[in-house]
Amino acid sequence: MQDADKVFLEYVVKALVDNPNDVKIDRTVDEMGVLITLTVNPADMGKIIGRMGNTAKAIRTLLRIIGMKNNARVNLKINEPEGSMRPERSESSPTQNPLKTVDQAMEDLRGI
């Protein structure tokens, strides 16, 4: 059964979301393996991703296990809905580190 991964993903995702009719799954196969693209209703994105991305990680892990059983490399891409609130990273300021060094924290305290 070649589409076992797609059937599994559809079953799991539709059980998690409030709008199962909005779930769209596309499966493509190339030389790199299988890529499954998931699109859900924007209101359901939080349920699919989970806290700290744990639900998405678990789904990806299970899909990889199904792929191993079928001798395929399976990857999951979750499409970000239009109008999402996630901030974009700019090229000019790569990663901003919110953590301060001890010296910076001491300077902040001296200013109080």
PDB file of N, CA and C in Angstrom:
ATOM      1  N   MET A   1       0.853  -1.190   0.000  1.00  0.00           N
ATOM      2  CA  MET A   1       0.000   0.000   0.000  1.00  0.00           C
ATOM      3  C   MET A   1       0.887   1.237   0.000  1.00  0.00           C
ATOM      4  N   GLN A   2       0.981   1.910  -1.120  1.00  0.00           N
ATOM      5  CA  GLN A   2       1.891   3.028  -1.289  1.00  0.00           C
ATOM      6  C   GLN A   2       1.454   4.280  -0.524  1.00  0.00           C
ATOM      7  N   ASP A   3       0.170   4.494  -0.399  1.00  0.00           N
ATOM      8  CA  ASP A   3      -0.325   5.719   0.234  1.00  0.00           C
ATOM      9  C   ASP A   3      -0.652   5.535   1.707  1.00  0.00           C
ATOM     10  N   ALA A   4      -0.028   4.565   2.372  1.00  0.00           N
ATOM     11  CA  ALA A   4      -0.311   4.322   3.791  1.00  0.00           C
ATOM     12  C   ALA A   4       0.004   5.564   4.618  1.00  0.00           C
ATOM     13  N   ASP A   5       1.072   6.282   4.260  1.00  0.00           N
ATOM     14  CA  ASP A   5       1.446   7.480   4.997  1.00  0.00           C
ATOM     15  C   ASP A   5       0.386   8.577   4.852  1.00  0.00           C
ATOM     16  N   LYS A   6      -0.142   8.724   3.643  1.00  0.00           N
ATOM     17  CA  LYS A   6      -1.169   9.747   3.410  1.00  0.00           C
ATOM     18  C   LYS A   6      -2.467   9.400   4.146  1.00  0.00           C
ATOM     19  N   VAL A   7      -2.851   8.140   4.107  1.00  0.00           N
ATOM     20  CA  VAL A   7      -4.068   7.696   4.794  1.00  0.00           C
ATOM     21  C   VAL A   7      -3.920   7.896   6.298  1.00  0.00           C
ATOM     22  N   PHE A   8      -2.753   7.536   6.826  1.00  0.00           N
ATOM     23  CA  PHE A   8      -2.498   7.713   8.259  1.00  0.00           C
ATOM     24  C   PHE A   8      -2.572   9.180   8.654  1.00  0.00           C
ATOM     25  N   LEU A   9      -1.892  10.037   7.881  1.00  0.00           N
ATOM     26  CA  LEU A   9      -1.881  11.462   8.201  1.00  0.00           C
ATOM     27  C   LEU A   9      -3.287  12.046   8.153  1.00  0.00           C
ATOM     28  N   GLU A  10      -4.045  11.674   7.152  1.00  0.00           N
ATOM     29  CA  GLU A  10      -5.410  12.178   7.033  1.00  0.00           C
ATOM     30  C   GLU A  10      -6.250  11.767   8.239  1.00  0.00           C
ATOM     31  N   TYR A  11      -6.114  10.539   8.671  1.00  0.00           N
ATOM     32  CA  TYR A  11      -6.859  10.044   9.828  1.00  0.00           C
ATOM     33  C   TYR A  11      -6.499  10.819  11.099  1.00  0.00           C
ATOM     34  N   VAL A  12      -5.207  10.990  11.335  1.00  0.00           N
ATOM     35  CA  VAL A  12      -4.749  11.672  12.551  1.00  0.00           C
ATOM     36  C   VAL A  12      -5.146  13.143  12.542  1.00  0.00           C
ATOM     37  N   VAL A  13      -4.905  13.826  11.439  1.00  0.00           N
ATOM     38  CA  VAL A  13      -5.164  15.265  11.370  1.00  0.00           C
ATOM     39  C   VAL A  13      -6.657  15.553  11.483  1.00  0.00           C
ATOM     40  N   LYS A  14      -7.474  14.787  10.790  1.00  0.00           N
ATOM     41  CA  LYS A  14      -8.919  15.027  10.854  1.00  0.00           C
ATOM     42  C   LYS A  14      -9.467  14.768  12.250  1.00  0.00           C
ATOM     43  N   ALA A  15      -8.812  13.903  13.018  1.00  0.00           N
ATOM     44  CA  ALA A  15      -9.238  13.661  14.396  1.00  0.00           C
ATOM     45  C   ALA A  15      -8.846  14.824  15.314  1.00  0.00           C
ATOM     46  N   LEU A  16      -7.804  15.560  14.950  1.00  0.00           N
ATOM     47  CA  LEU A  16      -7.314  16.651  15.801  1.00  0.00           C
ATOM     48  C   LEU A  16      -8.029  17.983  15.570  1.00  0.00           C
ATOM     49  N   VAL A  17      -8.434  18.254  14.339  1.00  0.00           N
ATOM     50  CA  VAL A  17      -8.917  19.585  13.988  1.00  0.00           C
ATOM     51  C   VAL A  17     -10.426  19.733  14.172  1.00  0.00           C
ATOM     52  N   ASP A  18     -10.873  20.994  14.229  1.00  0.00           N
ATOM     53  CA  ASP A  18     -12.297  21.300  14.318  1.00  0.00           C
ATOM     54  C   ASP A  18     -12.956  21.366  12.947  1.00  0.00           C
ATOM     55  N   ASN A  19     -12.157  21.581  11.907  1.00  0.00           N
ATOM     56  CA  ASN A  19     -12.680  21.710  10.538  1.00  0.00           C
ATOM     57  C   ASN A  19     -12.080  20.625   9.647  1.00  0.00           C
ATOM     58  N   PRO A  20     -12.511  19.370   9.802  1.00  0.00           N
ATOM     59  CA  PRO A  20     -11.891  18.291   9.022  1.00  0.00           C
ATOM     60  C   PRO A  20     -12.123  18.401   7.519  1.00  0.00           C
ATOM     61  N   ASN A  21     -13.160  19.113   7.099  1.00  0.00           N
ATOM     62  CA  ASN A  21     -13.411  19.256   5.665  1.00  0.00           C
ATOM     63  C   ASN A  21     -12.398  20.169   4.986  1.00  0.00           C
ATOM     64  N   ASP A  22     -11.666  20.977   5.773  1.00  0.00           N
ATOM     65  CA  ASP A  22     -10.671  21.899   5.226  1.00  0.00           C
ATOM     66  C   ASP A  22      -9.278  21.280   5.115  1.00  0.00           C
ATOM     67  N   VAL A  23      -9.135  20.027   5.531  1.00  0.00           N
ATOM     68  CA  VAL A  23      -7.829  19.369   5.485  1.00  0.00           C
ATOM     69  C   VAL A  23      -7.522  18.952   4.053  1.00  0.00           C
ATOM     70  N   LYS A  24      -6.342  19.373   3.569  1.00  0.00           N
ATOM     71  CA  LYS A  24      -5.892  19.006   2.228  1.00  0.00           C
ATOM     72  C   LYS A  24      -4.501  18.404   2.353  1.00  0.00           C
ATOM     73  N   ILE A  25      -4.312  17.255   1.735  1.00  0.00           N
ATOM     74  CA  ILE A  25      -3.029  16.567   1.794  1.00  0.00           C
ATOM     75  C   ILE A  25      -2.576  16.254   0.373  1.00  0.00           C
ATOM     76  N   ASP A  26      -1.375  16.711   0.043  1.00  0.00           N
ATOM     77  CA  ASP A  26      -0.779  16.425  -1.260  1.00  0.00           C
ATOM     78  C   ASP A  26       0.454  15.570  -1.033  1.00  0.00           C
ATOM     79  N   ARG A  27       0.613  14.541  -1.835  1.00  0.00           N
ATOM     80  CA  ARG A  27       1.743  13.629  -1.697  1.00  0.00           C
ATOM     81  C   ARG A  27       2.521  13.608  -3.005  1.00  0.00           C
ATOM     82  N   THR A  28       3.813  13.916  -2.942  1.00  0.00           N
ATOM     83  CA  THR A  28       4.662  13.870  -4.127  1.00  0.00           C
ATOM     84  C   THR A  28       5.868  12.979  -3.844  1.00  0.00           C
ATOM     85  N   VAL A  29       6.290  12.263  -4.865  1.00  0.00           N
ATOM     86  CA  VAL A  29       7.440  11.368  -4.746  1.00  0.00           C
ATOM     87  C   VAL A  29       8.492  11.818  -5.745  1.00  0.00           C
ATOM     88  N   ASP A  30       9.735  11.940  -5.280  1.00  0.00           N
ATOM     89  CA  ASP A  30      10.850  12.256  -6.171  1.00  0.00           C
ATOM     90  C   ASP A  30      12.079  11.484  -5.714  1.00  0.00           C
ATOM     91  N   GLU A  31      13.241  11.836  -6.243  1.00  0.00           N
ATOM     92  CA  GLU A  31      14.458  11.095  -5.899  1.00  0.00           C
ATOM     93  C   GLU A  31      14.863  11.274  -4.435  1.00  0.00           C
ATOM     94  N   MET A  32      14.361  12.321  -3.788  1.00  0.00           N
ATOM     95  CA  MET A  32      14.684  12.564  -2.377  1.00  0.00           C
ATOM     96  C   MET A  32      13.781  11.771  -1.433  1.00  0.00           C
ATOM     97  N   GLY A  33      12.667  11.273  -1.923  1.00  0.00           N
ATOM     98  CA  GLY A  33      11.734  10.532  -1.088  1.00  0.00           C
ATOM     99  C   GLY A  33      10.323  11.037  -1.283  1.00  0.00           C
ATOM    100  N   VAL A  34       9.542  10.929  -0.227  1.00  0.00           N
ATOM    101  CA  VAL A  34       8.138  11.319  -0.266  1.00  0.00           C
ATOM    102  C   VAL A  34       7.980  12.643   0.486  1.00  0.00           C
ATOM    103  N   LEU A  35       7.297  13.591  -0.129  1.00  0.00           N
ATOM    104  CA  LEU A  35       6.980  14.853   0.531  1.00  0.00           C
ATOM    105  C   LEU A  35       5.469  14.951   0.637  1.00  0.00           C
ATOM    106  N   ILE A  36       5.000  15.046   1.868  1.00  0.00           N
ATOM    107  CA  ILE A  36       3.571  15.211   2.104  1.00  0.00           C
ATOM    108  C   ILE A  36       3.356  16.646   2.558  1.00  0.00           C
ATOM    109  N   THR A  37       2.485  17.344   1.849  1.00  0.00           N
ATOM    110  CA  THR A  37       2.185  18.736   2.166  1.00  0.00           C
ATOM    111  C   THR A  37       0.797  18.797   2.775  1.00  0.00           C
ATOM    112  N   LEU A  38       0.719  19.384   3.962  1.00  0.00           N
ATOM    113  CA  LEU A  38      -0.531  19.459   4.716  1.00  0.00           C
ATOM    114  C   LEU A  38      -1.016  20.900   4.762  1.00  0.00           C
ATOM    115  N   THR A  39      -2.286  21.093   4.438  1.00  0.00           N
ATOM    116  CA  THR A  39      -2.926  22.399   4.545  1.00  0.00           C
ATOM    117  C   THR A  39      -4.179  22.236   5.382  1.00  0.00           C
ATOM    118  N   VAL A  40      -4.313  23.072   6.413  1.00  0.00           N
ATOM    119  CA  VAL A  40      -5.495  23.024   7.275  1.00  0.00           C
ATOM    120  C   VAL A  40      -6.080  24.422   7.405  1.00  0.00           C
ATOM    121  N   ASN A  41      -7.251  24.495   7.988  1.00  0.00           N
ATOM    122  CA  ASN A  41      -7.900  25.770   8.262  1.00  0.00           C
ATOM    123  C   ASN A  41      -6.993  26.575   9.197  1.00  0.00           C
ATOM    124  N   PRO A  42      -6.840  27.879   8.980  1.00  0.00           N
ATOM    125  CA  PRO A  42      -5.976  28.687   9.843  1.00  0.00           C
ATOM    126  C   PRO A  42      -6.334  28.592  11.327  1.00  0.00           C
ATOM    127  N   ALA A  43      -7.608  28.381  11.640  1.00  0.00           N
ATOM    128  CA  ALA A  43      -8.012  28.273  13.042  1.00  0.00           C
ATOM    129  C   ALA A  43      -7.497  26.990  13.686  1.00  0.00           C
ATOM    130  N   ASP A  44      -7.131  26.007  12.882  1.00  0.00           N
ATOM    131  CA  ASP A  44      -6.678  24.718  13.403  1.00  0.00           C
ATOM    132  C   ASP A  44      -5.160  24.574  13.448  1.00  0.00           C
ATOM    133  N   MET A  45      -4.423  25.583  13.016  1.00  0.00           N
ATOM    134  CA  MET A  45      -2.969  25.476  12.967  1.00  0.00           C
ATOM    135  C   MET A  45      -2.359  25.177  14.336  1.00  0.00           C
ATOM    136  N   GLY A  46      -2.881  25.800  15.370  1.00  0.00           N
ATOM    137  CA  GLY A  46      -2.353  25.578  16.714  1.00  0.00           C
ATOM    138  C   GLY A  46      -2.502  24.143  17.165  1.00  0.00           C
ATOM    139  N   LYS A  47      -3.581  23.512  16.764  1.00  0.00           N
ATOM    140  CA  LYS A  47      -3.816  22.124  17.156  1.00  0.00           C
ATOM    141  C   LYS A  47      -2.865  21.182  16.437  1.00  0.00           C
ATOM    142  N   ILE A  48      -2.509  21.508  15.217  1.00  0.00           N
ATOM    143  CA  ILE A  48      -1.600  20.658  14.447  1.00  0.00           C
ATOM    144  C   ILE A  48      -0.161  20.847  14.915  1.00  0.00           C
ATOM    145  N   ILE A  49       0.216  22.067  15.187  1.00  0.00           N
ATOM    146  CA  ILE A  49       1.592  22.333  15.590  1.00  0.00           C
ATOM    147  C   ILE A  49       1.809  21.979  17.057  1.00  0.00           C
ATOM    148  N   GLY A  50       0.860  22.320  17.908  1.00  0.00           N
ATOM    149  CA  GLY A  50       0.988  21.981  19.323  1.00  0.00           C
ATOM    150  C   GLY A  50       1.921  22.915  20.055  1.00  0.00           C
ATOM    151  N   ARG A  51       1.987  22.718  21.351  1.00  0.00           N
ATOM    152  CA  ARG A  51       2.853  23.543  22.181  1.00  0.00           C
ATOM    153  C   ARG A  51       4.313  23.257  21.878  1.00  0.00           C
ATOM    154  N   MET A  52       5.046  24.306  21.577  1.00  0.00           N
ATOM    155  CA  MET A  52       6.475  24.197  21.243  1.00  0.00           C
ATOM    156  C   MET A  52       6.713  23.268  20.051  1.00  0.00           C
ATOM    157  N   GLY A  53       5.691  23.047  19.229  1.00  0.00           N
ATOM    158  CA  GLY A  53       5.841  22.206  18.049  1.00  0.00           C
ATOM    159  C   GLY A  53       5.838  20.719  18.326  1.00  0.00           C
ATOM    160  N   ASN A  54       5.444  20.326  19.532  1.00  0.00           N
ATOM    161  CA  ASN A  54       5.523  18.914  19.909  1.00  0.00           C
ATOM    162  C   ASN A  54       4.567  18.027  19.123  1.00  0.00           C
ATOM    163  N   THR A  55       3.368  18.494  18.830  1.00  0.00           N
ATOM    164  CA  THR A  55       2.423  17.673  18.066  1.00  0.00           C
ATOM    165  C   THR A  55       2.944  17.453  16.650  1.00  0.00           C
ATOM    166  N   ALA A  56       3.435  18.506  16.020  1.00  0.00           N
ATOM    167  CA  ALA A  56       3.988  18.374  14.669  1.00  0.00           C
ATOM    168  C   ALA A  56       5.196  17.431  14.668  1.00  0.00           C
ATOM    169  N   LYS A  57       6.049  17.522  15.677  1.00  0.00           N
ATOM    170  CA  LYS A  57       7.209  16.633  15.767  1.00  0.00           C
ATOM    171  C   LYS A  57       6.769  15.184  15.896  1.00  0.00           C
ATOM    172  N   ALA A  58       5.748  14.952  16.711  1.00  0.00           N
ATOM    173  CA  ALA A  58       5.256  13.585  16.902  1.00  0.00           C
ATOM    174  C   ALA A  58       4.670  13.028  15.609  1.00  0.00           C
ATOM    175  N   ILE A  59       3.904  13.839  14.896  1.00  0.00           N
ATOM    176  CA  ILE A  59       3.327  13.400  13.626  1.00  0.00           C
ATOM    177  C   ILE A  59       4.438  13.089  12.630  1.00  0.00           C
ATOM    178  N   ARG A  60       5.455  13.942  12.577  1.00  0.00           N
ATOM    179  CA  ARG A  60       6.575  13.704  11.658  1.00  0.00           C
ATOM    180  C   ARG A  60       7.312  12.412  12.002  1.00  0.00           C
ATOM    181  N   THR A  61       7.507  12.175  13.289  1.00  0.00           N
ATOM    182  CA  THR A  61       8.185  10.951  13.724  1.00  0.00           C
ATOM    183  C   THR A  61       7.403   9.715  13.304  1.00  0.00           C
ATOM    184  N   LEU A  62       6.098   9.736  13.520  1.00  0.00           N
ATOM    185  CA  LEU A  62       5.271   8.591  13.135  1.00  0.00           C
ATOM    186  C   LEU A  62       5.276   8.384  11.621  1.00  0.00           C
ATOM    187  N   LEU A  63       5.261   9.484  10.858  1.00  0.00           N
ATOM    188  CA  LEU A  63       5.322   9.354   9.404  1.00  0.00           C
ATOM    189  C   LEU A  63       6.654   8.756   8.957  1.00  0.00           C
ATOM    190  N   ARG A  64       7.723   9.105   9.618  1.00  0.00           N
ATOM    191  CA  ARG A  64       9.027   8.536   9.264  1.00  0.00           C
ATOM    192  C   ARG A  64       9.059   7.037   9.548  1.00  0.00           C
ATOM    193  N   ILE A  65       8.407   6.633  10.642  1.00  0.00           N
ATOM    194  CA  ILE A  65       8.341   5.208  10.971  1.00  0.00           C
ATOM    195  C   ILE A  65       7.564   4.454   9.895  1.00  0.00           C
ATOM    196  N   ILE A  66       6.444   5.020   9.459  1.00  0.00           N
ATOM    197  CA  ILE A  66       5.667   4.397   8.388  1.00  0.00           C
ATOM    198  C   ILE A  66       6.507   4.338   7.117  1.00  0.00           C
ATOM    199  N   GLY A  67       7.261   5.398   6.860  1.00  0.00           N
ATOM    200  CA  GLY A  67       8.132   5.410   5.688  1.00  0.00           C
ATOM    201  C   GLY A  67       9.204   4.337   5.753  1.00  0.00           C
ATOM    202  N   MET A  68       9.805   4.151   6.923  1.00  0.00           N
ATOM    203  CA  MET A  68      10.829   3.116   7.075  1.00  0.00           C
ATOM    204  C   MET A  68      10.249   1.740   6.801  1.00  0.00           C
ATOM    205  N   LYS A  69       9.032   1.533   7.249  1.00  0.00           N
ATOM    206  CA  LYS A  69       8.372   0.241   7.019  1.00  0.00           C
ATOM    207  C   LYS A  69       8.188  -0.017   5.526  1.00  0.00           C
ATOM    208  N   ASN A  70       7.988   1.059   4.755  1.00  0.00           N
ATOM    209  CA  ASN A  70       7.787   0.947   3.312  1.00  0.00           C
ATOM    210  C   ASN A  70       9.036   1.311   2.508  1.00  0.00           C
ATOM    211  N   ASN A  71      10.189   1.362   3.172  1.00  0.00           N
ATOM    212  CA  ASN A  71      11.466   1.692   2.519  1.00  0.00           C
ATOM    213  C   ASN A  71      11.413   3.028   1.787  1.00  0.00           C
ATOM    214  N   ALA A  72      10.863   4.038   2.433  1.00  0.00           N
ATOM    215  CA  ALA A  72      10.784   5.376   1.837  1.00  0.00           C
ATOM    216  C   ALA A  72      11.120   6.418   2.895  1.00  0.00           C
ATOM    217  N   ARG A  73      11.670   7.522   2.433  1.00  0.00           N
ATOM    218  CA  ARG A  73      11.942   8.645   3.332  1.00  0.00           C
ATOM    219  C   ARG A  73      10.762   9.599   3.213  1.00  0.00           C
ATOM    220  N   VAL A  74      10.053   9.801   4.327  1.00  0.00           N
ATOM    221  CA  VAL A  74       8.839  10.621   4.317  1.00  0.00           C
ATOM    222  C   VAL A  74       9.092  11.908   5.091  1.00  0.00           C
ATOM    223  N   ASN A  75       8.775  13.025   4.467  1.00  0.00           N
ATOM    224  CA  ASN A  75       8.878  14.332   5.112  1.00  0.00           C
ATOM    225  C   ASN A  75       7.525  15.012   5.074  1.00  0.00           C
ATOM    226  N   LEU A  76       7.228  15.785   6.103  1.00  0.00           N
ATOM    227  CA  LEU A  76       5.964  16.505   6.197  1.00  0.00           C
ATOM    228  C   LEU A  76       6.227  17.997   6.163  1.00  0.00           C
ATOM    229  N   LYS A  77       5.504  18.673   5.281  1.00  0.00           N
ATOM    230  CA  LYS A  77       5.548  20.138   5.215  1.00  0.00           C
ATOM    231  C   LYS A  77       4.161  20.637   5.583  1.00  0.00           C
ATOM    232  N   ILE A  78       4.089  21.505   6.564  1.00  0.00           N
ATOM    233  CA  ILE A  78       2.819  22.094   6.979  1.00  0.00           C
ATOM    234  C   ILE A  78       2.754  23.489   6.386  1.00  0.00           C
ATOM    235  N   ASN A  79       1.800  23.702   5.490  1.00  0.00           N
ATOM    236  CA  ASN A  79       1.665  25.013   4.841  1.00  0.00           C
ATOM    237  C   ASN A  79       1.169  26.045   5.834  1.00  0.00           C
ATOM    238  N   GLU A  80       1.835  27.187   5.814  1.00  0.00           N
ATOM    239  CA  GLU A  80       1.427  28.298   6.668  1.00  0.00           C
ATOM    240  C   GLU A  80       0.267  29.017   5.983  1.00  0.00           C
ATOM    241  N   PRO A  81      -0.830  29.250   6.709  1.00  0.00           N
ATOM    242  CA  PRO A  81      -1.998  29.880   6.078  1.00  0.00           C
ATOM    243  C   PRO A  81      -1.756  31.351   5.759  1.00  0.00           C
ATOM    244  N   GLU A  82      -2.563  31.865   4.837  1.00  0.00           N
ATOM    245  CA  GLU A  82      -2.494  33.283   4.480  1.00  0.00           C
ATOM    246  C   GLU A  82      -2.829  34.129   5.703  1.00  0.00           C
ATOM    247  N   GLY A  83      -2.130  35.223   5.864  1.00  0.00           N
ATOM    248  CA  GLY A  83      -2.417  36.148   6.955  1.00  0.00           C
ATOM    249  C   GLY A  83      -1.972  35.651   8.314  1.00  0.00           C
ATOM    250  N   SER A  84      -0.957  34.800   8.355  1.00  0.00           N
ATOM    251  CA  SER A  84      -0.502  34.307   9.650  1.00  0.00           C
ATOM    252  C   SER A  84       0.180  35.425  10.420  1.00  0.00           C
ATOM    253  N   MET A  85       0.260  35.276  11.707  1.00  0.00           N
ATOM    254  CA  MET A  85       0.796  36.316  12.569  1.00  0.00           C
ATOM    255  C   MET A  85       2.258  36.076  12.938  1.00  0.00           C
ATOM    256  N   ARG A  86       2.897  35.070  12.366  1.00  0.00           N
ATOM    257  CA  ARG A  86       4.277  34.770  12.699  1.00  0.00           C
ATOM    258  C   ARG A  86       5.186  35.849  12.138  1.00  0.00           C
ATOM    259  N   PRO A  87       6.075  36.423  12.944  1.00  0.00           N
ATOM    260  CA  PRO A  87       6.965  37.474  12.444  1.00  0.00           C
ATOM    261  C   PRO A  87       7.986  36.893  11.477  1.00  0.00           C
ATOM    262  N   GLU A  88       8.301  37.662  10.447  1.00  0.00           N
ATOM    263  CA  GLU A  88       9.282  37.229   9.468  1.00  0.00           C
ATOM    264  C   GLU A  88      10.674  37.622   9.929  1.00  0.00           C
ATOM    265  N   ARG A  89      11.647  36.792   9.604  1.00  0.00           N
ATOM    266  CA  ARG A  89      13.033  37.095   9.948  1.00  0.00           C
ATOM    267  C   ARG A  89      13.624  37.943   8.841  1.00  0.00           C
ATOM    268  N   SER A  90      14.286  39.001   9.230  1.00  0.00           N
ATOM    269  CA  SER A  90      14.912  39.835   8.216  1.00  0.00           C
ATOM    270  C   SER A  90      16.366  39.419   8.051  1.00  0.00           C
ATOM    271  N   GLU A  91      16.890  39.613   6.861  1.00  0.00           N
ATOM    272  CA  GLU A  91      18.259  39.228   6.565  1.00  0.00           C
ATOM    273  C   GLU A  91      19.255  40.146   7.272  1.00  0.00           C
ATOM    274  N   SER A  92      18.866  41.419   7.496  1.00  0.00           N
ATOM    275  CA  SER A  92      19.802  42.366   8.093  1.00  0.00           C
ATOM    276  C   SER A  92      20.051  42.069   9.567  1.00  0.00           C
ATOM    277  N   SER A  93      19.035  41.571  10.270  1.00  0.00           N
ATOM    278  CA  SER A  93      19.246  41.211  11.667  1.00  0.00           C
ATOM    279  C   SER A  93      18.949  39.727  11.826  1.00  0.00           C
ATOM    280  N   PRO A  94      19.985  38.890  11.725  1.00  0.00           N
ATOM    281  CA  PRO A  94      19.752  37.456  11.765  1.00  0.00           C
ATOM    282  C   PRO A  94      19.032  37.045  13.037  1.00  0.00           C
ATOM    283  N   THR A  95      19.617  36.335  13.896  1.00  0.00           N
ATOM    284  CA  THR A  95      18.911  35.928  15.104  1.00  0.00           C
ATOM    285  C   THR A  95      19.202  36.923  16.209  1.00  0.00           C
ATOM    286  N   GLN A  96      18.156  37.398  16.835  1.00  0.00           N
ATOM    287  CA  GLN A  96      18.323  38.317  17.955  1.00  0.00           C
ATOM    288  C   GLN A  96      18.304  37.489  19.224  1.00  0.00           C
ATOM    289  N   ASN A  97      19.373  37.594  20.007  1.00  0.00           N
ATOM    290  CA  ASN A  97      19.481  36.809  21.217  1.00  0.00           C
ATOM    291  C   ASN A  97      18.891  37.601  22.375  1.00  0.00           C
ATOM    292  N   PRO A  98      17.757  37.150  22.944  1.00  0.00           N
ATOM    293  CA  PRO A  98      17.150  37.885  24.040  1.00  0.00           C
ATOM    294  C   PRO A  98      17.921  37.719  25.348  1.00  0.00           C
ATOM    295  N   LEU A  99      18.840  36.747  25.408  1.00  0.00           N
ATOM    296  CA  LEU A  99      19.605  36.520  26.625  1.00  0.00           C
ATOM    297  C   LEU A  99      20.734  37.532  26.723  1.00  0.00           C
ATOM    298  N   LYS A 100      20.979  37.974  27.944  1.00  0.00           N
ATOM    299  CA  LYS A 100      22.045  38.945  28.174  1.00  0.00           C
ATOM    300  C   LYS A 100      23.192  38.263  28.899  1.00  0.00           C
ATOM    301  N   THR A 101      24.361  38.839  28.744  1.00  0.00           N
ATOM    302  CA  THR A 101      25.493  38.342  29.505  1.00  0.00           C
ATOM    303  C   THR A 101      25.355  38.861  30.929  1.00  0.00           C
ATOM    304  N   VAL A 102      26.138  38.316  31.817  1.00  0.00           N
ATOM    305  CA  VAL A 102      26.110  38.746  33.215  1.00  0.00           C
ATOM    306  C   VAL A 102      26.482  40.217  33.318  1.00  0.00           C
ATOM    307  N   ASP A 103      27.473  40.640  32.533  1.00  0.00           N
ATOM    308  CA  ASP A 103      27.904  42.034  32.562  1.00  0.00           C
ATOM    309  C   ASP A 103      26.783  42.971  32.104  1.00  0.00           C
ATOM    310  N   GLN A 104      26.041  42.583  31.061  1.00  0.00           N
ATOM    311  CA  GLN A 104      24.932  43.405  30.589  1.00  0.00           C
ATOM    312  C   GLN A 104      23.829  43.490  31.644  1.00  0.00           C
ATOM    313  N   ALA A 105      23.544  42.389  32.304  1.00  0.00           N
ATOM    314  CA  ALA A 105      22.520  42.386  33.337  1.00  0.00           C
ATOM    315  C   ALA A 105      22.937  43.264  34.512  1.00  0.00           C
ATOM    316  N   MET A 106      24.225  43.239  34.871  1.00  0.00           N
ATOM    317  CA  MET A 106      24.720  44.074  35.975  1.00  0.00           C
ATOM    318  C   MET A 106      24.627  45.545  35.604  1.00  0.00           C
ATOM    319  N   GLU A 107      24.924  45.892  34.335  1.00  0.00           N
ATOM    320  CA  GLU A 107      24.791  47.272  33.888  1.00  0.00           C
ATOM    321  C   GLU A 107      23.342  47.729  33.997  1.00  0.00           C
ATOM    322  N   ASP A 108      22.416  46.868  33.617  1.00  0.00           N
ATOM    323  CA  ASP A 108      21.001  47.217  33.707  1.00  0.00           C
ATOM    324  C   ASP A 108      20.598  47.477  35.155  1.00  0.00           C
ATOM    325  N   LEU A 109      21.120  46.661  36.069  1.00  0.00           N
ATOM    326  CA  LEU A 109      20.784  46.820  37.497  1.00  0.00           C
ATOM    327  C   LEU A 109      21.389  48.108  38.061  1.00  0.00           C
ATOM    328  N   ARG A 110      22.586  48.476  37.620  1.00  0.00           N
ATOM    329  CA  ARG A 110      23.227  49.696  38.119  1.00  0.00           C
ATOM    330  C   ARG A 110      22.438  50.929  37.685  1.00  0.00           C
ATOM    331  N   GLY A 111      21.777  50.834  36.533  1.00  0.00           N
ATOM    332  CA  GLY A 111      21.018  51.972  36.023  1.00  0.00           C
ATOM    333  C   GLY A 111      19.734  52.215  36.813  1.00  0.00           C
ATOM    334  N   ILE A 112      19.317  51.278  37.629  1.00  0.00           N
ATOM    335  CA  ILE A 112      18.053  51.434  38.381  1.00  0.00           C
ATOM    336  C   ILE A 112      18.219  52.304  39.582  1.00  0.00           C
TER     337      ILE A 112
END
